[in-house]
Amino acid sequence: MTNLREFISTVPTGIFLGGAFEDREETFDVINPSDGSVLTKVASASQEDATRALDLATSAQGAWAATPARERGEILRKTFELLIDATPDLTLLMSAELGRALPDSKSEVAYGAEFFRWFSEEAVRIRGDYRHSPAGNARIVEIRQPVGPSLAITPWNFPLAMGARKIAPALAAGCTIIVKPASKTPLTMLYLAKVLKEAGLPDGVLAVLPTSKSSRISALLDDPRLRKFTFTGSTEVGQSLAAQGAGHSLKTSLELGGNAPYVVLEDADLPTAIDAMVTAKMRGAGQVCIAANRFLVHSSIKDEFVAGCVEKLKQFRVGNATDEGTTVGPLSGEDQLEIVTDLVDDALEKGATKHFGELPDGLEPGFYYPPSVLSDIPAEAAIASSEIFGPVIAVTTFDTDEEAIRLANNTPFGLAAYVFSENLTRALSVAEAIEAGMVAVNKGALSDPAAPFGGVKESGLGREGGFQGIDEFLEVKFISLPL
């Protein structure tokens, strides 16, 4: 732990404004979920800091938008390279402040960095259009221009990637951006600000404002100079903030809650479906918005599937997130531990069966929850309709494809889904019928910086990543010229 403390002391803890880190008298604690100790104190931005950040972003907007796309792209590419070089530091940092096992944090560095490489290439490919009006009386010219100063609010569960997924396309498009990281995990975003400055990002183009009171930053939604809002987090908070920004028609994208079904048809390759569960569910101790949440398994293979999941979970090692060998760390905090505990206890009280789920002896006093397998989930149990955000596999059965689709769609959310079948036509038919923005077929990995990420129904608006990601920060302008 001495080495961890020494390392944390080198990480910026001030707010990032005008290209510099600034301390503040008011601070808040960043907690290590593995043992409940205070990692460090971070400066808490005020509402005045938020206004100053928007002042700077507004002033810098014109010059940044006019910066050649190739130059913007080269800054993003340099950021990608610096992040990859910093993989050991970022891996340790994320595991320390989030409580996620080192292998998962290392994977996030590669994933988060890739957004900067992807959008470094998209920066130089912003397209327009030229054509004649069908009436033959005008030339139609379409151009895409940066929407302007943007505000991003990011969650705690992916402290690098969720910021990268918003910052990279904003910068590629020519937008300045203010970022409010989650108070649980602000250190990674501050580290990213340091990397972007080293990569050559001009002062004022980016601000990072950790704070103990989110309302200080969200107050910017009432300022008409702000032209874009992008949010990842809970549905209730995201919808409330979007309504606030609607007062001046703020361009908005939201990535909200999920309740992903994991549909295993009777002709599925069971070893594949069981192996894929590890990625789809156990990454980050299940604290992933696209994590499989409701395991819908054909009744004829339920016992074999449950037994296979139990054997897989027995191979996980629960422990301090920064220890080598740990594969499942603690949950992010006491609040998250209480939510998962209550969901499981409620299911068991209402008749669910528990097949696996005990913590090992000798753990530190952190926020640990055991990898668990439940089956026979009653429809009235809260876990049947709530996002678990923990390492709990909750299995429900079905008998027909139509029933599986009905159960999968029986939620107000539609972010991600997983389908397993050896018949590709059947798998595609089910995937097309499921109401979700993203569906993985016969695999547990889903996210890809080169693919559009987002949901339908109450899971959000817009898409991040892929070719669509940069469009969220661009406006189409029509210019009419005479023939």
Protein backbone atom coordinates (compact mmCIF):
# COMPACT_ATOMS: atom_id res chain seq x y z
CA MET A 1 0.00 0.00 0.00
CA THR A 2 2.99 2.31 0.51
CA ASN A 3 3.71 2.25 -3.22
CA LEU A 4 0.05 3.02 -3.96
CA ARG A 5 0.13 5.99 -1.60
CA GLU A 6 3.30 7.28 -3.20
CA PHE A 7 1.79 6.94 -6.64
CA ILE A 8 -1.48 8.66 -5.69
CA SER A 9 0.52 11.61 -4.38
CA THR A 10 1.75 12.24 -7.95
CA VAL A 11 -1.76 12.40 -9.47
CA PRO A 12 -3.32 15.87 -9.97
CA THR A 13 -6.02 16.73 -7.42
CA GLY A 14 -6.91 20.29 -8.45
CA ILE A 15 -9.61 21.36 -10.86
CA PHE A 16 -8.35 21.79 -14.44
CA LEU A 17 -9.06 25.27 -15.81
CA GLY A 18 -7.34 27.28 -18.50
CA GLY A 19 -4.71 24.60 -19.01
CA ALA A 20 -3.64 24.49 -15.34
CA PHE A 21 -4.53 22.58 -12.20
CA GLU A 22 -5.85 24.80 -9.42
CA ASP A 23 -6.32 23.91 -5.76
CA ARG A 24 -9.41 24.95 -3.83
CA GLU A 25 -10.03 25.41 -0.12
CA GLU A 26 -13.06 23.15 -0.32
CA THR A 27 -12.20 19.49 -1.01
CA PHE A 28 -13.85 16.09 -0.87
CA ASP A 29 -12.52 12.62 -0.11
CA VAL A 30 -11.87 9.94 -2.68
CA ILE A 31 -12.42 6.55 -1.03
CA ASN A 32 -10.59 3.30 -1.78
CA PRO A 33 -13.43 0.72 -2.03
CA SER A 34 -11.03 -2.13 -1.26
CA ASP A 35 -10.53 -1.07 2.35
CA GLY A 36 -12.68 2.00 2.96
CA SER A 37 -9.70 4.29 3.47
CA VAL A 38 -9.29 7.80 2.06
CA LEU A 39 -7.04 7.72 -0.99
CA THR A 40 -6.70 11.50 -1.26
CA LYS A 41 -8.63 14.76 -1.20
CA VAL A 42 -9.69 16.47 -4.43
CA ALA A 43 -10.52 20.13 -5.01
CA SER A 44 -14.26 20.77 -5.20
CA ALA A 45 -15.26 23.15 -7.99
CA SER A 46 -17.68 25.96 -7.23
CA GLN A 47 -20.44 27.38 -9.39
CA GLU A 48 -18.12 30.33 -10.05
CA ASP A 49 -15.53 27.85 -11.36
CA ALA A 50 -18.15 26.42 -13.70
CA THR A 51 -18.99 29.86 -15.03
CA ARG A 52 -15.32 30.64 -15.52
CA ALA A 53 -14.87 27.34 -17.38
CA LEU A 54 -17.69 28.28 -19.75
CA ASP A 55 -16.18 31.75 -20.18
CA LEU A 56 -12.92 30.12 -21.24
CA ALA A 57 -14.64 27.54 -23.44
CA THR A 58 -16.65 30.25 -25.19
CA SER A 59 -13.53 32.35 -25.75
CA ALA A 60 -11.55 29.39 -27.07
CA GLN A 61 -14.34 28.02 -29.27
CA GLY A 62 -13.68 30.09 -32.38
CA ALA A 63 -9.96 29.39 -32.55
CA TRP A 64 -10.40 25.70 -31.82
CA ALA A 65 -13.10 25.30 -34.47
CA ALA A 66 -10.80 27.06 -36.95
CA THR A 67 -7.87 24.78 -36.11
CA PRO A 68 -7.19 22.53 -39.11
CA ALA A 69 -8.80 19.12 -38.72
CA ARG A 70 -5.44 17.44 -39.29
CA GLU A 71 -3.95 19.34 -36.36
CA ARG A 72 -6.85 18.43 -34.10
CA GLY A 73 -6.49 14.81 -35.20
CA GLU A 74 -2.78 14.78 -34.44
CA ILE A 75 -3.44 15.98 -30.88
CA LEU A 76 -5.92 13.15 -30.43
CA ARG A 77 -3.51 10.63 -31.90
CA LYS A 78 -0.78 11.83 -29.54
CA THR A 79 -3.20 11.47 -26.65
CA PHE A 80 -3.85 7.85 -27.67
CA GLU A 81 -0.11 7.13 -27.68
CA LEU A 82 0.46 8.78 -24.31
CA LEU A 83 -2.42 6.85 -22.75
CA ILE A 84 -1.05 3.55 -24.00
CA ASP A 85 2.37 4.46 -22.59
CA ALA A 86 0.68 5.26 -19.26
CA THR A 87 -1.15 1.93 -19.06
CA PRO A 88 0.53 0.78 -15.81
CA ASP A 89 -0.24 4.05 -14.02
CA LEU A 90 -3.81 4.29 -15.25
CA THR A 91 -4.48 0.64 -14.45
CA LEU A 92 -3.40 1.13 -10.85
CA LEU A 93 -5.22 4.44 -10.53
CA MET A 94 -8.57 3.11 -11.73
CA SER A 95 -8.35 0.01 -9.57
CA ALA A 96 -7.53 2.16 -6.55
CA GLU A 97 -10.38 4.67 -6.88
CA LEU A 98 -13.00 2.36 -8.39
CA GLY A 99 -12.15 -0.95 -6.70
CA ARG A 100 -12.00 -2.85 -9.97
CA ALA A 101 -9.58 -5.74 -10.48
CA LEU A 102 -6.35 -4.87 -12.29
CA PRO A 103 -7.08 -6.96 -15.44
CA ASP A 104 -10.37 -5.12 -15.97
CA SER A 105 -8.74 -1.73 -15.44
CA LYS A 106 -5.97 -2.58 -17.89
CA SER A 107 -8.59 -3.49 -20.49
CA GLU A 108 -10.30 -0.15 -19.97
CA VAL A 109 -7.08 1.75 -20.69
CA ALA A 110 -6.90 0.08 -24.11
CA TYR A 111 -10.62 0.65 -24.71
CA GLY A 112 -10.62 4.28 -23.58
CA ALA A 113 -7.45 5.16 -25.47
CA GLU A 114 -8.91 3.73 -28.66
CA PHE A 115 -11.55 6.47 -28.76
CA PHE A 116 -8.79 9.02 -29.24
CA ARG A 117 -7.26 7.00 -32.07
CA TRP A 118 -10.65 6.42 -33.73
CA PHE A 119 -11.71 10.06 -33.57
CA SER A 120 -8.28 11.29 -34.60
CA GLU A 121 -9.13 9.62 -37.91
CA GLU A 122 -12.74 10.84 -37.97
CA ALA A 123 -11.65 14.46 -37.42
CA VAL A 124 -10.38 14.68 -41.00
CA ARG A 125 -13.45 12.96 -42.50
CA ILE A 126 -16.23 15.39 -41.60
CA ARG A 127 -18.36 15.38 -44.72
CA GLY A 128 -20.67 17.77 -46.50
CA ASP A 129 -22.79 17.61 -49.67
CA TYR A 130 -23.40 19.53 -52.87
CA ARG A 131 -26.28 19.06 -55.32
CA HIS A 132 -28.75 20.89 -57.51
CA SER A 133 -32.26 21.54 -56.29
CA PRO A 134 -34.82 19.33 -58.09
CA ALA A 135 -36.63 22.54 -59.09
CA GLY A 136 -33.53 23.58 -61.02
CA ASN A 137 -33.33 27.00 -59.40
CA ALA A 138 -30.64 26.62 -56.73
CA ARG A 139 -27.49 24.87 -55.64
CA ILE A 140 -27.81 23.06 -52.31
CA VAL A 141 -24.67 23.05 -50.20
CA GLU A 142 -24.51 21.22 -46.86
CA ILE A 143 -21.68 21.69 -44.39
CA ARG A 144 -21.17 20.41 -40.85
CA GLN A 145 -19.92 22.79 -38.20
CA PRO A 146 -19.06 22.27 -34.50
CA VAL A 147 -22.09 22.80 -32.28
CA GLY A 148 -20.03 24.80 -29.79
CA PRO A 149 -19.18 24.70 -26.07
CA SER A 150 -20.21 21.37 -24.57
CA LEU A 151 -20.79 19.92 -21.11
CA ALA A 152 -20.15 16.25 -20.32
CA ILE A 153 -21.18 14.52 -17.10
CA THR A 154 -19.60 11.10 -16.70
CA PRO A 155 -20.29 8.14 -14.37
CA TRP A 156 -17.99 6.38 -11.93
CA ASN A 157 -17.96 2.89 -13.44
CA PHE A 158 -15.68 3.65 -16.43
CA PRO A 159 -13.65 6.65 -15.26
CA LEU A 160 -11.45 6.80 -18.38
CA ALA A 161 -13.57 5.39 -21.21
CA MET A 162 -16.79 7.31 -20.50
CA GLY A 163 -14.87 10.57 -20.58
CA ALA A 164 -12.86 9.55 -23.63
CA ARG A 165 -16.03 8.56 -25.49
CA LYS A 166 -17.29 12.15 -25.10
CA ILE A 167 -14.12 14.24 -25.12
CA ALA A 168 -12.54 12.66 -28.22
CA PRO A 169 -15.46 13.30 -30.63
CA ALA A 170 -16.05 16.77 -29.19
CA LEU A 171 -12.44 17.76 -29.81
CA ALA A 172 -12.41 16.07 -33.22
CA ALA A 173 -15.50 18.06 -34.24
CA GLY A 174 -13.94 21.33 -33.09
CA CYS A 175 -15.91 21.80 -29.86
CA THR A 176 -14.59 23.01 -26.53
CA ILE A 177 -15.77 20.89 -23.61
CA ILE A 178 -16.27 21.00 -19.84
CA VAL A 179 -16.28 17.67 -18.00
CA LYS A 180 -17.70 16.88 -14.60
CA PRO A 181 -16.40 13.47 -13.50
CA ALA A 182 -18.17 11.38 -10.87
CA SER A 183 -17.14 12.27 -7.33
CA LYS A 184 -16.30 8.61 -6.65
CA THR A 185 -13.69 8.48 -9.41
CA PRO A 186 -12.37 11.95 -10.32
CA LEU A 187 -8.66 11.12 -10.35
CA THR A 188 -8.61 9.29 -13.67
CA MET A 189 -10.25 12.22 -15.48
CA LEU A 190 -7.76 14.66 -13.95
CA TYR A 191 -4.95 12.38 -15.13
CA LEU A 192 -6.49 12.42 -18.61
CA ALA A 193 -6.51 16.22 -18.56
CA LYS A 194 -2.79 16.15 -17.83
CA VAL A 195 -2.24 13.81 -20.78
CA LEU A 196 -4.27 15.99 -23.14
CA LYS A 197 -2.27 19.06 -22.14
CA GLU A 198 0.95 17.13 -22.76
CA ALA A 199 -0.41 16.14 -26.17
CA GLY A 200 -0.72 19.81 -27.11
CA LEU A 201 -4.36 20.69 -26.44
CA PRO A 202 -4.64 24.50 -26.28
CA ASP A 203 -5.51 26.12 -22.96
CA GLY A 204 -9.22 26.70 -22.35
CA VAL A 205 -10.43 24.03 -24.78
CA LEU A 206 -10.94 21.52 -21.94
CA ALA A 207 -11.98 21.99 -18.32
CA VAL A 208 -12.33 19.20 -15.74
CA LEU A 209 -14.42 20.16 -12.72
CA PRO A 210 -14.72 17.57 -9.95
CA THR A 211 -17.14 18.75 -7.28
CA SER A 212 -18.95 17.59 -4.18
CA LYS A 213 -22.19 19.20 -5.42
CA SER A 214 -23.22 18.35 -8.97
CA SER A 215 -25.76 21.18 -9.13
CA ARG A 216 -22.90 23.68 -9.26
CA ILE A 217 -21.90 22.34 -12.67
CA SER A 218 -25.34 21.44 -14.01
CA ALA A 219 -26.30 25.10 -13.46
CA LEU A 220 -24.52 25.66 -16.78
CA LEU A 221 -27.50 24.04 -18.49
CA ASP A 222 -29.34 27.32 -17.95
CA ASP A 223 -26.64 29.33 -19.74
CA PRO A 224 -27.49 29.87 -23.44
CA ARG A 225 -23.78 29.93 -24.33
CA LEU A 226 -23.69 26.18 -23.70
CA ARG A 227 -24.75 24.39 -26.89
CA LYS A 228 -24.30 20.68 -26.19
CA PHE A 229 -24.96 18.39 -23.21
CA THR A 230 -23.85 14.76 -23.06
CA PHE A 231 -24.61 12.59 -20.04
CA THR A 232 -24.03 9.01 -18.94
CA GLY A 233 -25.70 7.88 -15.74
CA SER A 234 -29.05 7.08 -14.19
CA THR A 235 -32.25 7.53 -16.15
CA GLU A 236 -33.90 9.71 -13.53
CA VAL A 237 -31.00 12.17 -13.27
CA GLY A 238 -30.33 12.24 -17.01
CA GLN A 239 -33.93 12.96 -17.93
CA SER A 240 -34.15 15.70 -15.30
CA LEU A 241 -31.00 17.41 -16.56
CA ALA A 242 -32.11 17.09 -20.19
CA ALA A 243 -35.40 18.80 -19.27
CA GLN A 244 -33.42 21.59 -17.66
CA GLY A 245 -31.39 22.10 -20.84
CA ALA A 246 -34.48 22.02 -23.03
CA GLY A 247 -35.24 25.59 -21.94
CA HIS A 248 -32.88 26.84 -24.65
CA SER A 249 -33.08 23.88 -27.05
CA LEU A 250 -29.76 22.40 -25.95
CA LYS A 251 -28.48 19.66 -28.25
CA THR A 252 -28.50 16.60 -25.97
CA SER A 253 -27.33 13.00 -25.94
CA LEU A 254 -28.05 10.62 -23.08
CA GLU A 255 -26.77 7.16 -22.21
CA LEU A 256 -29.01 6.01 -19.38
CA GLY A 257 -29.96 2.84 -17.54
CA GLY A 258 -30.02 -0.68 -18.90
CA ASN A 259 -31.59 -4.02 -18.06
CA ALA A 260 -29.88 -6.29 -20.56
CA PRO A 261 -31.44 -9.70 -21.29
CA TYR A 262 -29.09 -12.65 -21.87
CA VAL A 263 -31.16 -15.04 -23.97
CA VAL A 264 -29.92 -18.63 -24.24
CA LEU A 265 -32.05 -20.64 -26.70
CA GLU A 266 -32.21 -24.42 -26.45
CA ASP A 267 -29.94 -24.92 -29.49
CA ALA A 268 -27.21 -22.66 -28.06
CA ASP A 269 -23.66 -23.94 -27.69
CA LEU A 270 -23.68 -24.07 -23.89
CA PRO A 271 -19.91 -23.85 -23.32
CA THR A 272 -19.89 -20.69 -25.47
CA ALA A 273 -22.85 -19.20 -23.59
CA ILE A 274 -21.27 -19.99 -20.22
CA ASP A 275 -17.84 -18.66 -21.22
CA ALA A 276 -19.36 -15.47 -22.64
CA MET A 277 -21.12 -14.87 -19.32
CA VAL A 278 -17.73 -14.03 -17.81
CA THR A 279 -17.32 -11.02 -20.09
CA ALA A 280 -20.98 -10.03 -20.29
CA LYS A 281 -21.55 -10.15 -16.54
CA MET A 282 -18.43 -10.31 -14.41
CA ARG A 283 -16.36 -7.50 -15.92
CA GLY A 284 -16.00 -4.81 -13.29
CA ALA A 285 -17.87 -6.96 -10.76
CA GLY A 286 -21.01 -6.50 -12.86
CA GLN A 287 -20.96 -2.69 -12.54
CA VAL A 288 -21.33 -2.10 -16.26
CA CYS A 289 -24.32 -0.47 -17.98
CA ILE A 290 -24.41 -3.15 -20.68
CA ALA A 291 -23.80 -6.02 -18.24
CA ALA A 292 -26.15 -8.97 -18.70
CA ASN A 293 -28.84 -8.46 -16.11
CA ARG A 294 -31.66 -10.95 -16.74
CA PHE A 295 -30.47 -14.42 -17.75
CA LEU A 296 -33.34 -15.91 -19.78
CA VAL A 297 -32.50 -19.57 -20.34
CA HIS A 298 -34.57 -22.26 -22.08
CA SER A 299 -36.05 -24.53 -19.44
CA SER A 300 -34.54 -27.66 -21.01
CA ILE A 301 -30.97 -26.46 -20.43
CA LYS A 302 -31.41 -24.38 -17.28
CA ASP A 303 -29.80 -26.85 -14.85
CA GLU A 304 -26.76 -27.36 -17.04
CA PHE A 305 -26.37 -23.61 -17.57
CA VAL A 306 -26.63 -22.85 -13.85
CA ALA A 307 -24.09 -25.57 -13.01
CA GLY A 308 -21.69 -24.21 -15.61
CA CYS A 309 -21.98 -20.68 -14.25
CA VAL A 310 -21.29 -21.90 -10.72
CA GLU A 311 -18.13 -23.64 -11.88
CA LYS A 312 -16.99 -20.48 -13.66
CA LEU A 313 -17.59 -18.27 -10.63
CA LYS A 314 -15.65 -20.65 -8.40
CA GLN A 315 -12.57 -19.70 -10.42
CA PHE A 316 -12.80 -16.01 -9.49
CA ARG A 317 -10.68 -14.62 -6.71
CA VAL A 318 -12.28 -11.87 -4.62
CA GLY A 319 -9.89 -9.42 -3.00
CA ASN A 320 -8.23 -6.02 -2.88
CA ALA A 321 -8.47 -4.55 -6.36
CA THR A 322 -4.81 -3.52 -6.50
CA ASP A 323 -3.51 -6.98 -5.56
CA GLU A 324 -2.12 -9.14 -8.34
CA GLY A 325 -4.28 -12.22 -8.71
CA THR A 326 -7.55 -10.54 -7.74
CA THR A 327 -10.17 -11.04 -10.46
CA VAL A 328 -13.18 -9.53 -8.66
CA GLY A 329 -12.74 -6.44 -6.51
CA PRO A 330 -15.26 -4.70 -4.26
CA LEU A 331 -18.26 -2.71 -5.38
CA SER A 332 -17.77 1.03 -5.77
CA GLY A 333 -19.10 2.03 -2.37
CA GLU A 334 -21.38 1.28 0.54
CA ASP A 335 -24.37 2.62 -1.37
CA GLN A 336 -23.86 0.15 -4.21
CA LEU A 337 -23.28 -2.72 -1.76
CA GLU A 338 -26.59 -1.98 -0.04
CA ILE A 339 -28.49 -1.94 -3.35
CA VAL A 340 -27.15 -5.31 -4.49
CA THR A 341 -27.62 -6.89 -1.06
CA ASP A 342 -31.22 -5.70 -0.87
CA LEU A 343 -32.04 -7.00 -4.36
CA VAL A 344 -30.67 -10.47 -3.63
CA ASP A 345 -32.24 -10.68 -0.17
CA ASP A 346 -35.61 -9.67 -1.60
CA ALA A 347 -35.39 -12.35 -4.31
CA LEU A 348 -34.50 -15.05 -1.80
CA GLU A 349 -37.31 -14.03 0.53
CA LYS A 350 -39.76 -14.33 -2.37
CA GLY A 351 -38.64 -17.83 -3.33
CA ALA A 352 -35.53 -17.63 -5.51
CA THR A 353 -32.93 -20.38 -5.19
CA LYS A 354 -29.31 -19.54 -4.35
CA HIS A 355 -26.73 -21.87 -5.90
CA PHE A 356 -23.51 -20.02 -5.11
CA GLY A 357 -22.40 -16.89 -3.31
CA GLU A 358 -20.13 -16.71 -0.26
CA LEU A 359 -17.27 -14.34 0.44
CA PRO A 360 -13.88 -15.82 1.34
CA ASP A 361 -12.43 -15.30 4.81
CA GLY A 362 -9.80 -12.67 5.53
CA LEU A 363 -11.02 -9.82 3.34
CA GLU A 364 -10.25 -6.23 4.25
CA PRO A 365 -13.21 -4.09 5.43
CA GLY A 366 -14.16 -2.95 1.93
CA PHE A 367 -17.41 -3.05 -0.04
CA TYR A 368 -17.32 -6.67 -1.19
CA TYR A 369 -20.18 -8.73 -2.58
CA PRO A 370 -19.69 -12.38 -3.55
CA PRO A 371 -20.12 -13.57 -7.13
CA SER A 372 -23.51 -15.28 -6.92
CA VAL A 373 -25.88 -17.46 -8.93
CA LEU A 374 -29.65 -17.40 -8.37
CA SER A 375 -32.43 -19.19 -10.23
CA ASP A 376 -36.22 -19.52 -10.07
CA ILE A 377 -36.54 -15.73 -9.88
CA PRO A 378 -40.17 -14.80 -9.05
CA ALA A 379 -41.71 -12.21 -11.35
CA GLU A 380 -42.55 -10.03 -8.35
CA ALA A 381 -38.94 -9.92 -7.12
CA ALA A 382 -37.31 -6.52 -7.65
CA ILE A 383 -34.25 -8.16 -9.20
CA ALA A 384 -36.44 -9.35 -12.11
CA SER A 385 -36.98 -5.77 -13.27
CA SER A 386 -34.12 -3.75 -11.73
CA GLU A 387 -30.59 -3.18 -12.96
CA ILE A 388 -28.43 -5.20 -10.56
CA PHE A 389 -25.02 -3.54 -11.09
CA GLY A 390 -23.29 -6.32 -9.18
CA PRO A 391 -21.79 -9.80 -9.73
CA VAL A 392 -25.12 -11.63 -9.53
CA ILE A 393 -26.40 -14.04 -12.18
CA ALA A 394 -30.19 -14.22 -11.92
CA VAL A 395 -31.70 -16.99 -14.07
CA THR A 396 -35.28 -17.18 -15.34
CA THR A 397 -36.58 -19.81 -17.77
CA PHE A 398 -38.75 -19.76 -20.88
CA ASP A 399 -40.15 -22.39 -23.24
CA THR A 400 -40.59 -20.67 -26.61
CA ASP A 401 -38.79 -18.00 -28.62
CA GLU A 402 -41.88 -15.81 -28.43
CA GLU A 403 -41.85 -16.03 -24.63
CA ALA A 404 -38.14 -15.19 -24.54
CA ILE A 405 -38.70 -12.11 -26.70
CA ARG A 406 -41.65 -11.01 -24.56
CA LEU A 407 -39.60 -11.35 -21.37
CA ALA A 408 -36.62 -9.58 -22.95
CA ASN A 409 -38.79 -6.63 -23.99
CA ASN A 410 -40.71 -6.43 -20.71
CA THR A 411 -38.75 -3.40 -19.49
CA PRO A 412 -38.76 0.34 -20.13
CA PHE A 413 -35.07 0.07 -21.01
CA GLY A 414 -33.39 -0.99 -24.23
CA LEU A 415 -29.64 -0.55 -24.11
CA ALA A 416 -28.02 -3.95 -24.75
CA ALA A 417 -28.97 -7.60 -25.20
CA TYR A 418 -27.27 -10.96 -25.77
CA VAL A 419 -28.59 -13.89 -27.81
CA PHE A 420 -27.18 -17.42 -28.10
CA SER A 421 -28.22 -19.93 -30.76
CA GLU A 422 -26.33 -22.17 -33.19
CA ASN A 423 -28.89 -21.31 -35.87
CA LEU A 424 -27.78 -17.93 -37.21
CA THR A 425 -31.10 -17.17 -38.88
CA ARG A 426 -32.94 -17.88 -35.64
CA ALA A 427 -30.45 -15.81 -33.64
CA LEU A 428 -30.82 -12.87 -36.01
CA SER A 429 -34.61 -13.10 -35.88
CA VAL A 430 -34.57 -12.92 -32.09
CA ALA A 431 -31.94 -10.16 -32.12
CA GLU A 432 -34.08 -8.09 -34.50
CA ALA A 433 -37.17 -8.58 -32.34
CA ILE A 434 -35.51 -7.50 -29.10
CA GLU A 435 -35.97 -3.80 -28.34
CA ALA A 436 -32.37 -2.76 -27.72
CA GLY A 437 -29.88 -0.43 -29.33
CA MET A 438 -27.15 -3.11 -29.32
CA VAL A 439 -27.29 -6.90 -29.51
CA ALA A 440 -24.40 -9.36 -29.25
CA VAL A 441 -24.91 -12.76 -30.87
CA ASN A 442 -22.98 -15.74 -29.49
CA LYS A 443 -20.49 -13.48 -27.70
CA GLY A 444 -20.19 -11.58 -24.44
CA ALA A 445 -18.15 -8.59 -25.64
CA LEU A 446 -20.16 -5.78 -27.18
CA SER A 447 -18.49 -2.36 -26.89
CA ASP A 448 -16.29 -1.19 -29.76
CA PRO A 449 -15.09 2.41 -30.33
CA ALA A 450 -15.66 1.84 -34.06
CA ALA A 451 -19.35 0.96 -33.53
CA PRO A 452 -22.31 3.11 -32.41
CA PHE A 453 -23.09 2.79 -28.70
CA GLY A 454 -26.53 3.71 -27.37
CA GLY A 455 -30.01 2.53 -26.54
CA VAL A 456 -33.70 2.87 -27.27
CA LYS A 457 -36.75 3.55 -25.11
CA GLU A 458 -35.66 5.00 -21.74
CA SER A 459 -32.04 3.97 -22.21
CA GLY A 460 -31.14 7.20 -23.92
CA LEU A 461 -30.82 9.46 -26.94
CA GLY A 462 -28.12 9.52 -29.59
CA ARG A 463 -25.06 7.38 -30.19
CA GLU A 464 -21.44 7.47 -29.06
CA GLY A 465 -18.54 5.95 -30.96
CA GLY A 466 -18.61 4.71 -34.54
CA PHE A 467 -19.23 7.05 -37.47
CA GLN A 468 -22.19 8.55 -35.61
CA GLY A 469 -20.26 9.68 -32.54
CA ILE A 470 -18.80 12.83 -34.08
CA ASP A 471 -22.21 13.85 -35.49
CA GLU A 472 -23.44 14.41 -31.93
CA PHE A 473 -21.09 17.44 -31.81
CA LEU A 474 -21.86 18.81 -35.27
CA GLU A 475 -24.69 20.86 -36.72
CA VAL A 476 -25.73 20.66 -40.37
CA LYS A 477 -25.86 24.02 -42.15
CA PHE A 478 -27.66 24.45 -45.46
CA ILE A 479 -26.32 27.13 -47.84
CA SER A 480 -28.42 27.97 -50.88
CA LEU A 481 -26.70 29.35 -53.98
CA PRO A 482 -28.20 30.43 -57.31
CA LEU A 483 -27.67 28.31 -60.38
